[in-house]
Each structure stands twice: as structure tokens, then as C-alpha cells.
Amino acid sequence: MTPADRVRIKTDAGAFAHGEKHWNAHLSETQARTIRASTDTVAALAARHGVSLQTVASIRASRRWEHLGT
């Protein structure tokens, strides 16, 4: 078993907090879904939700909140 396999198994079992459950989360699941579905500019969404441009861009590209799917 590789280290990546062990991490995936622990993640699937809920050993790592992600999304709203993460201690440093600034957005709710609803907000992340809204950002993904929105056609507003990255700058407008970042200002509206109080996060960085990079955060919004990463959510839209499914690099953050990837557990939500597309």
C-alpha cells in the first residue's frame, strides 16, 4: 500500500476535515456551490464573499472544494 492509498483510505473514513468542517474554512458549502454556478466575475465574487481572487478561481477550477463535484 502506498502512502497515497493510506491517505485516501483515511480521507474516505472521515479522518481529515474538509469543506465546512475544516477549522480554517471561510466559506460554507452553499457559498462554494454558488461560486461555481455563478457567471459573475471572479473579482465580484471575491468581494461579495470576502475571499481572495485566487480562492474563487480555485473553486471554479475544482482545485478547492473538489469534494462537491462539478
PDB file of N, CA and C in Angstrom:
ATOM      1  N   MET A   1       0.858  -1.181   0.000  1.00  0.00           N
ATOM      2  CA  MET A   1       0.000   0.000   0.000  1.00  0.00           C
ATOM      3  C   MET A   1       0.902   1.243   0.000  1.00  0.00           C
ATOM      4  N   THR A   2       0.580   2.158  -0.877  1.00  0.00           N
ATOM      5  CA  THR A   2       1.382   3.375  -0.983  1.00  0.00           C
ATOM      6  C   THR A   2       0.898   4.414   0.034  1.00  0.00           C
ATOM      7  N   PRO A   3       1.716   5.414   0.311  1.00  0.00           N
ATOM      8  CA  PRO A   3       1.269   6.487   1.203  1.00  0.00           C
ATOM      9  C   PRO A   3      -0.003   7.172   0.680  1.00  0.00           C
ATOM     10  N   ALA A   4      -0.097   7.340  -0.625  1.00  0.00           N
ATOM     11  CA  ALA A   4      -1.302   7.962  -1.202  1.00  0.00           C
ATOM     12  C   ALA A   4      -2.539   7.112  -0.935  1.00  0.00           C
ATOM     13  N   ASP A   5      -2.383   5.780  -0.994  1.00  0.00           N
ATOM     14  CA  ASP A   5      -3.507   4.881  -0.685  1.00  0.00           C
ATOM     15  C   ASP A   5      -3.952   5.046   0.762  1.00  0.00           C
ATOM     16  N   ARG A   6      -2.991   5.145   1.673  1.00  0.00           N
ATOM     17  CA  ARG A   6      -3.326   5.320   3.086  1.00  0.00           C
ATOM     18  C   ARG A   6      -4.071   6.635   3.333  1.00  0.00           C
ATOM     19  N   VAL A   7      -3.618   7.702   2.685  1.00  0.00           N
ATOM     20  CA  VAL A   7      -4.289   8.997   2.838  1.00  0.00           C
ATOM     21  C   VAL A   7      -5.709   8.911   2.284  1.00  0.00           C
ATOM     22  N   ARG A   8      -5.881   8.297   1.112  1.00  0.00           N
ATOM     23  CA  ARG A   8      -7.206   8.172   0.512  1.00  0.00           C
ATOM     24  C   ARG A   8      -8.149   7.374   1.419  1.00  0.00           C
ATOM     25  N   ILE A   9      -7.670   6.303   2.007  1.00  0.00           N
ATOM     26  CA  ILE A   9      -8.484   5.486   2.910  1.00  0.00           C
ATOM     27  C   ILE A   9      -8.887   6.297   4.138  1.00  0.00           C
ATOM     28  N   LYS A  10      -7.937   7.026   4.724  1.00  0.00           N
ATOM     29  CA  LYS A  10      -8.247   7.849   5.896  1.00  0.00           C
ATOM     30  C   LYS A  10      -9.212   8.971   5.539  1.00  0.00           C
ATOM     31  N   THR A  11      -9.042   9.570   4.368  1.00  0.00           N
ATOM     32  CA  THR A  11      -9.947  10.631   3.929  1.00  0.00           C
ATOM     33  C   THR A  11     -11.354  10.087   3.744  1.00  0.00           C
ATOM     34  N   ASP A  12     -11.460   8.941   3.104  1.00  0.00           N
ATOM     35  CA  ASP A  12     -12.770   8.311   2.904  1.00  0.00           C
ATOM     36  C   ASP A  12     -13.445   7.964   4.226  1.00  0.00           C
ATOM     37  N   ALA A  13     -12.646   7.652   5.236  1.00  0.00           N
ATOM     38  CA  ALA A  13     -13.180   7.292   6.541  1.00  0.00           C
ATOM     39  C   ALA A  13     -13.520   8.522   7.383  1.00  0.00           C
ATOM     40  N   GLY A  14     -13.202   9.714   6.873  1.00  0.00           N
ATOM     41  CA  GLY A  14     -13.527  10.934   7.591  1.00  0.00           C
ATOM     42  C   GLY A  14     -12.472  11.389   8.576  1.00  0.00           C
ATOM     43  N   ALA A  15     -11.243  10.908   8.431  1.00  0.00           N
ATOM     44  CA  ALA A  15     -10.188  11.268   9.366  1.00  0.00           C
ATOM     45  C   ALA A  15      -9.672  12.688   9.152  1.00  0.00           C
ATOM     46  N   PHE A  16      -9.891  13.239   7.955  1.00  0.00           N
ATOM     47  CA  PHE A  16      -9.420  14.586   7.652  1.00  0.00           C
ATOM     48  C   PHE A  16     -10.626  15.484   7.390  1.00  0.00           C
ATOM     49  N   ALA A  17     -10.666  16.603   8.066  1.00  0.00           N
ATOM     50  CA  ALA A  17     -11.775  17.535   7.867  1.00  0.00           C
ATOM     51  C   ALA A  17     -11.582  18.293   6.557  1.00  0.00           C
ATOM     52  N   HIS A  18     -12.676  18.432   5.811  1.00  0.00           N
ATOM     53  CA  HIS A  18     -12.632  19.232   4.597  1.00  0.00           C
ATOM     54  C   HIS A  18     -13.949  19.977   4.457  1.00  0.00           C
ATOM     55  N   GLY A  19     -13.929  20.983   3.597  1.00  0.00           N
ATOM     56  CA  GLY A  19     -15.138  21.788   3.426  1.00  0.00           C
ATOM     57  C   GLY A  19     -15.435  22.601   4.666  1.00  0.00           C
ATOM     58  N   GLU A  20     -16.701  22.693   5.010  1.00  0.00           N
ATOM     59  CA  GLU A  20     -17.130  23.490   6.177  1.00  0.00           C
ATOM     60  C   GLU A  20     -16.544  22.984   7.485  1.00  0.00           C
ATOM     61  N   LYS A  21     -16.212  21.710   7.549  1.00  0.00           N
ATOM     62  CA  LYS A  21     -15.723  21.114   8.792  1.00  0.00           C
ATOM     63  C   LYS A  21     -14.263  21.462   9.076  1.00  0.00           C
ATOM     64  N   HIS A  22     -13.550  21.967   8.066  1.00  0.00           N
ATOM     65  CA  HIS A  22     -12.154  22.321   8.268  1.00  0.00           C
ATOM     66  C   HIS A  22     -12.069  23.539   9.183  1.00  0.00           C
ATOM     67  N   TRP A  23     -11.118  23.556  10.064  1.00  0.00           N
ATOM     68  CA  TRP A  23     -11.004  24.618  11.074  1.00  0.00           C
ATOM     69  C   TRP A  23     -10.787  25.993  10.460  1.00  0.00           C
ATOM     70  N   ASN A  24     -10.251  26.061   9.247  1.00  0.00           N
ATOM     71  CA  ASN A  24      -9.931  27.344   8.646  1.00  0.00           C
ATOM     72  C   ASN A  24     -10.871  27.708   7.487  1.00  0.00           C
ATOM     73  N   ALA A  25     -11.997  27.049   7.388  1.00  0.00           N
ATOM     74  CA  ALA A  25     -12.928  27.313   6.283  1.00  0.00           C
ATOM     75  C   ALA A  25     -13.539  28.704   6.430  1.00  0.00           C
ATOM     76  N   HIS A  26     -13.551  29.446   5.326  1.00  0.00           N
ATOM     77  CA  HIS A  26     -14.152  30.776   5.317  1.00  0.00           C
ATOM     78  C   HIS A  26     -15.479  30.792   4.569  1.00  0.00           C
ATOM     79  N   LEU A  27     -15.779  29.719   3.876  1.00  0.00           N
ATOM     80  CA  LEU A  27     -16.997  29.641   3.089  1.00  0.00           C
ATOM     81  C   LEU A  27     -17.817  28.429   3.511  1.00  0.00           C
ATOM     82  N   SER A  28     -19.097  28.521   3.281  1.00  0.00           N
ATOM     83  CA  SER A  28     -19.963  27.364   3.512  1.00  0.00           C
ATOM     84  C   SER A  28     -20.064  26.584   2.205  1.00  0.00           C
ATOM     85  N   GLU A  29     -20.604  25.396   2.273  1.00  0.00           N
ATOM     86  CA  GLU A  29     -20.801  24.584   1.073  1.00  0.00           C
ATOM     87  C   GLU A  29     -21.735  25.307   0.098  1.00  0.00           C
ATOM     88  N   THR A  30     -22.748  25.944   0.636  1.00  0.00           N
ATOM     89  CA  THR A  30     -23.688  26.687  -0.204  1.00  0.00           C
ATOM     90  C   THR A  30     -22.978  27.813  -0.952  1.00  0.00           C
ATOM     91  N   GLN A  31     -22.094  28.529  -0.273  1.00  0.00           N
ATOM     92  CA  GLN A  31     -21.356  29.608  -0.919  1.00  0.00           C
ATOM     93  C   GLN A  31     -20.433  29.066  -2.014  1.00  0.00           C
ATOM     94  N   ALA A  32     -19.768  27.947  -1.744  1.00  0.00           N
ATOM     95  CA  ALA A  32     -18.879  27.352  -2.745  1.00  0.00           C
ATOM     96  C   ALA A  32     -19.669  26.912  -3.974  1.00  0.00           C
ATOM     97  N   ARG A  33     -20.833  26.322  -3.766  1.00  0.00           N
ATOM     98  CA  ARG A  33     -21.681  25.922  -4.902  1.00  0.00           C
ATOM     99  C   ARG A  33     -22.158  27.151  -5.680  1.00  0.00           C
ATOM    100  N   THR A  34     -22.481  28.219  -4.974  1.00  0.00           N
ATOM    101  CA  THR A  34     -22.911  29.456  -5.628  1.00  0.00           C
ATOM    102  C   THR A  34     -21.788  30.024  -6.486  1.00  0.00           C
ATOM    103  N   ILE A  35     -20.570  30.004  -5.978  1.00  0.00           N
ATOM    104  CA  ILE A  35     -19.421  30.499  -6.735  1.00  0.00           C
ATOM    105  C   ILE A  35     -19.232  29.670  -8.002  1.00  0.00           C
ATOM    106  N   ARG A  36     -19.342  28.360  -7.885  1.00  0.00           N
ATOM    107  CA  ARG A  36     -19.184  27.501  -9.060  1.00  0.00           C
ATOM    108  C   ARG A  36     -20.247  27.765 -10.121  1.00  0.00           C
ATOM    109  N   ALA A  37     -21.473  28.013  -9.689  1.00  0.00           N
ATOM    110  CA  ALA A  37     -22.587  28.172 -10.623  1.00  0.00           C
ATOM    111  C   ALA A  37     -22.699  29.586 -11.182  1.00  0.00           C
ATOM    112  N   SER A  38     -22.062  30.543 -10.548  1.00  0.00           N
ATOM    113  CA  SER A  38     -22.225  31.946 -10.922  1.00  0.00           C
ATOM    114  C   SER A  38     -21.494  32.291 -12.220  1.00  0.00           C
ATOM    115  N   THR A  39     -22.049  33.252 -12.936  1.00  0.00           N
ATOM    116  CA  THR A  39     -21.390  33.776 -14.137  1.00  0.00           C
ATOM    117  C   THR A  39     -20.780  35.152 -13.864  1.00  0.00           C
ATOM    118  N   ASP A  40     -20.830  35.599 -12.617  1.00  0.00           N
ATOM    119  CA  ASP A  40     -20.217  36.873 -12.238  1.00  0.00           C
ATOM    120  C   ASP A  40     -18.701  36.782 -12.367  1.00  0.00           C
ATOM    121  N   THR A  41     -18.050  37.923 -12.368  1.00  0.00           N
ATOM    122  CA  THR A  41     -16.591  37.943 -12.463  1.00  0.00           C
ATOM    123  C   THR A  41     -15.971  37.414 -11.169  1.00  0.00           C
ATOM    124  N   VAL A  42     -14.744  36.970 -11.294  1.00  0.00           N
ATOM    125  CA  VAL A  42     -14.006  36.482 -10.128  1.00  0.00           C
ATOM    126  C   VAL A  42     -13.881  37.588  -9.091  1.00  0.00           C
ATOM    127  N   ALA A  43     -13.594  38.799  -9.551  1.00  0.00           N
ATOM    128  CA  ALA A  43     -13.423  39.929  -8.629  1.00  0.00           C
ATOM    129  C   ALA A  43     -14.709  40.227  -7.874  1.00  0.00           C
ATOM    130  N   ALA A  44     -15.837  40.193  -8.566  1.00  0.00           N
ATOM    131  CA  ALA A  44     -17.119  40.468  -7.912  1.00  0.00           C
ATOM    132  C   ALA A  44     -17.440  39.402  -6.873  1.00  0.00           C
ATOM    133  N   LEU A  45     -17.199  38.150  -7.216  1.00  0.00           N
ATOM    134  CA  LEU A  45     -17.478  37.059  -6.274  1.00  0.00           C
ATOM    135  C   LEU A  45     -16.550  37.114  -5.066  1.00  0.00           C
ATOM    136  N   ALA A  46     -15.279  37.435  -5.302  1.00  0.00           N
ATOM    137  CA  ALA A  46     -14.316  37.535  -4.197  1.00  0.00           C
ATOM    138  C   ALA A  46     -14.727  38.633  -3.231  1.00  0.00           C
ATOM    139  N   ALA A  47     -15.131  39.773  -3.761  1.00  0.00           N
ATOM    140  CA  ALA A  47     -15.557  40.881  -2.908  1.00  0.00           C
ATOM    141  C   ALA A  47     -16.833  40.530  -2.150  1.00  0.00           C
ATOM    142  N   ARG A  48     -17.763  39.890  -2.812  1.00  0.00           N
ATOM    143  CA  ARG A  48     -19.039  39.540  -2.192  1.00  0.00           C
ATOM    144  C   ARG A  48     -18.867  38.551  -1.047  1.00  0.00           C
ATOM    145  N   HIS A  49     -17.948  37.596  -1.209  1.00  0.00           N
ATOM    146  CA  HIS A  49     -17.790  36.541  -0.205  1.00  0.00           C
ATOM    147  C   HIS A  49     -16.625  36.783   0.750  1.00  0.00           C
ATOM    148  N   GLY A  50     -15.868  37.853   0.532  1.00  0.00           N
ATOM    149  CA  GLY A  50     -14.773  38.188   1.440  1.00  0.00           C
ATOM    150  C   GLY A  50     -13.591  37.241   1.369  1.00  0.00           C
ATOM    151  N   VAL A  51     -13.305  36.736   0.175  1.00  0.00           N
ATOM    152  CA  VAL A  51     -12.162  35.841  -0.019  1.00  0.00           C
ATOM    153  C   VAL A  51     -11.302  36.391  -1.150  1.00  0.00           C
ATOM    154  N   SER A  52     -10.170  35.774  -1.378  1.00  0.00           N
ATOM    155  CA  SER A  52      -9.254  36.257  -2.408  1.00  0.00           C
ATOM    156  C   SER A  52      -9.704  35.845  -3.808  1.00  0.00           C
ATOM    157  N   LEU A  53      -9.137  36.538  -4.786  1.00  0.00           N
ATOM    158  CA  LEU A  53      -9.395  36.189  -6.184  1.00  0.00           C
ATOM    159  C   LEU A  53      -8.960  34.749  -6.463  1.00  0.00           C
ATOM    160  N   GLN A  54      -7.823  34.366  -5.901  1.00  0.00           N
ATOM    161  CA  GLN A  54      -7.295  33.014  -6.102  1.00  0.00           C
ATOM    162  C   GLN A  54      -8.234  31.959  -5.533  1.00  0.00           C
ATOM    163  N   THR A  55      -8.843  32.240  -4.399  1.00  0.00           N
ATOM    164  CA  THR A  55      -9.784  31.290  -3.813  1.00  0.00           C
ATOM    165  C   THR A  55     -10.962  31.054  -4.743  1.00  0.00           C
ATOM    166  N   VAL A  56     -11.519  32.125  -5.266  1.00  0.00           N
ATOM    167  CA  VAL A  56     -12.658  31.999  -6.185  1.00  0.00           C
ATOM    168  C   VAL A  56     -12.237  31.248  -7.443  1.00  0.00           C
ATOM    169  N   ALA A  57     -11.084  31.602  -8.005  1.00  0.00           N
ATOM    170  CA  ALA A  57     -10.609  30.929  -9.213  1.00  0.00           C
ATOM    171  C   ALA A  57     -10.371  29.447  -8.961  1.00  0.00           C
ATOM    172  N   SER A  58      -9.840  29.105  -7.798  1.00  0.00           N
ATOM    173  CA  SER A  58      -9.583  27.707  -7.464  1.00  0.00           C
ATOM    174  C   SER A  58     -10.873  26.919  -7.269  1.00  0.00           C
ATOM    175  N   ILE A  59     -11.880  27.544  -6.700  1.00  0.00           N
ATOM    176  CA  ILE A  59     -13.173  26.877  -6.535  1.00  0.00           C
ATOM    177  C   ILE A  59     -13.789  26.609  -7.904  1.00  0.00           C
ATOM    178  N   ARG A  60     -13.740  27.602  -8.778  1.00  0.00           N
ATOM    179  CA  ARG A  60     -14.297  27.428 -10.124  1.00  0.00           C
ATOM    180  C   ARG A  60     -13.573  26.349 -10.912  1.00  0.00           C
ATOM    181  N   ALA A  61     -12.280  26.207 -10.703  1.00  0.00           N
ATOM    182  CA  ALA A  61     -11.480  25.205 -11.417  1.00  0.00           C
ATOM    183  C   ALA A  61     -11.487  23.855 -10.707  1.00  0.00           C
ATOM    184  N   SER A  62     -12.246  23.725  -9.622  1.00  0.00           N
ATOM    185  CA  SER A  62     -12.364  22.489  -8.830  1.00  0.00           C
ATOM    186  C   SER A  62     -11.048  22.066  -8.184  1.00  0.00           C
ATOM    187  N   ARG A  63     -10.174  23.038  -7.910  1.00  0.00           N
ATOM    188  CA  ARG A  63      -8.965  22.736  -7.151  1.00  0.00           C
ATOM    189  C   ARG A  63      -9.215  22.876  -5.655  1.00  0.00           C
ATOM    190  N   ARG A  64     -10.243  23.631  -5.293  1.00  0.00           N
ATOM    191  CA  ARG A  64     -10.705  23.724  -3.906  1.00  0.00           C
ATOM    192  C   ARG A  64     -12.151  23.304  -3.900  1.00  0.00           C
ATOM    193  N   TRP A  65     -12.594  22.760  -2.815  1.00  0.00           N
ATOM    194  CA  TRP A  65     -13.948  22.240  -2.678  1.00  0.00           C
ATOM    195  C   TRP A  65     -14.212  21.164  -3.737  1.00  0.00           C
ATOM    196  N   GLU A  66     -13.153  20.399  -4.051  1.00  0.00           N
ATOM    197  CA  GLU A  66     -13.285  19.383  -5.086  1.00  0.00           C
ATOM    198  C   GLU A  66     -14.250  18.266  -4.711  1.00  0.00           C
ATOM    199  N   HIS A  67     -14.494  18.092  -3.421  1.00  0.00           N
ATOM    200  CA  HIS A  67     -15.413  17.036  -2.986  1.00  0.00           C
ATOM    201  C   HIS A  67     -16.866  17.342  -3.366  1.00  0.00           C
ATOM    202  N   LEU A  68     -17.161  18.558  -3.794  1.00  0.00           N
ATOM    203  CA  LEU A  68     -18.504  18.901  -4.222  1.00  0.00           C
ATOM    204  C   LEU A  68     -18.845  18.341  -5.589  1.00  0.00           C
ATOM    205  N   GLY A  69     -17.838  17.964  -6.347  1.00  0.00           N
ATOM    206  CA  GLY A  69     -18.069  17.515  -7.717  1.00  0.00           C
ATOM    207  C   GLY A  69     -18.276  18.709  -8.622  1.00  0.00           C
ATOM    208  N   THR A  70     -18.788  18.448  -9.790  1.00  0.00           N
ATOM    209  CA  THR A  70     -18.990  19.549 -10.740  1.00  0.00           C
ATOM    210  C   THR A  70     -20.434  19.918 -10.879  1.00  0.00           C
TER     211      THR A  70
END
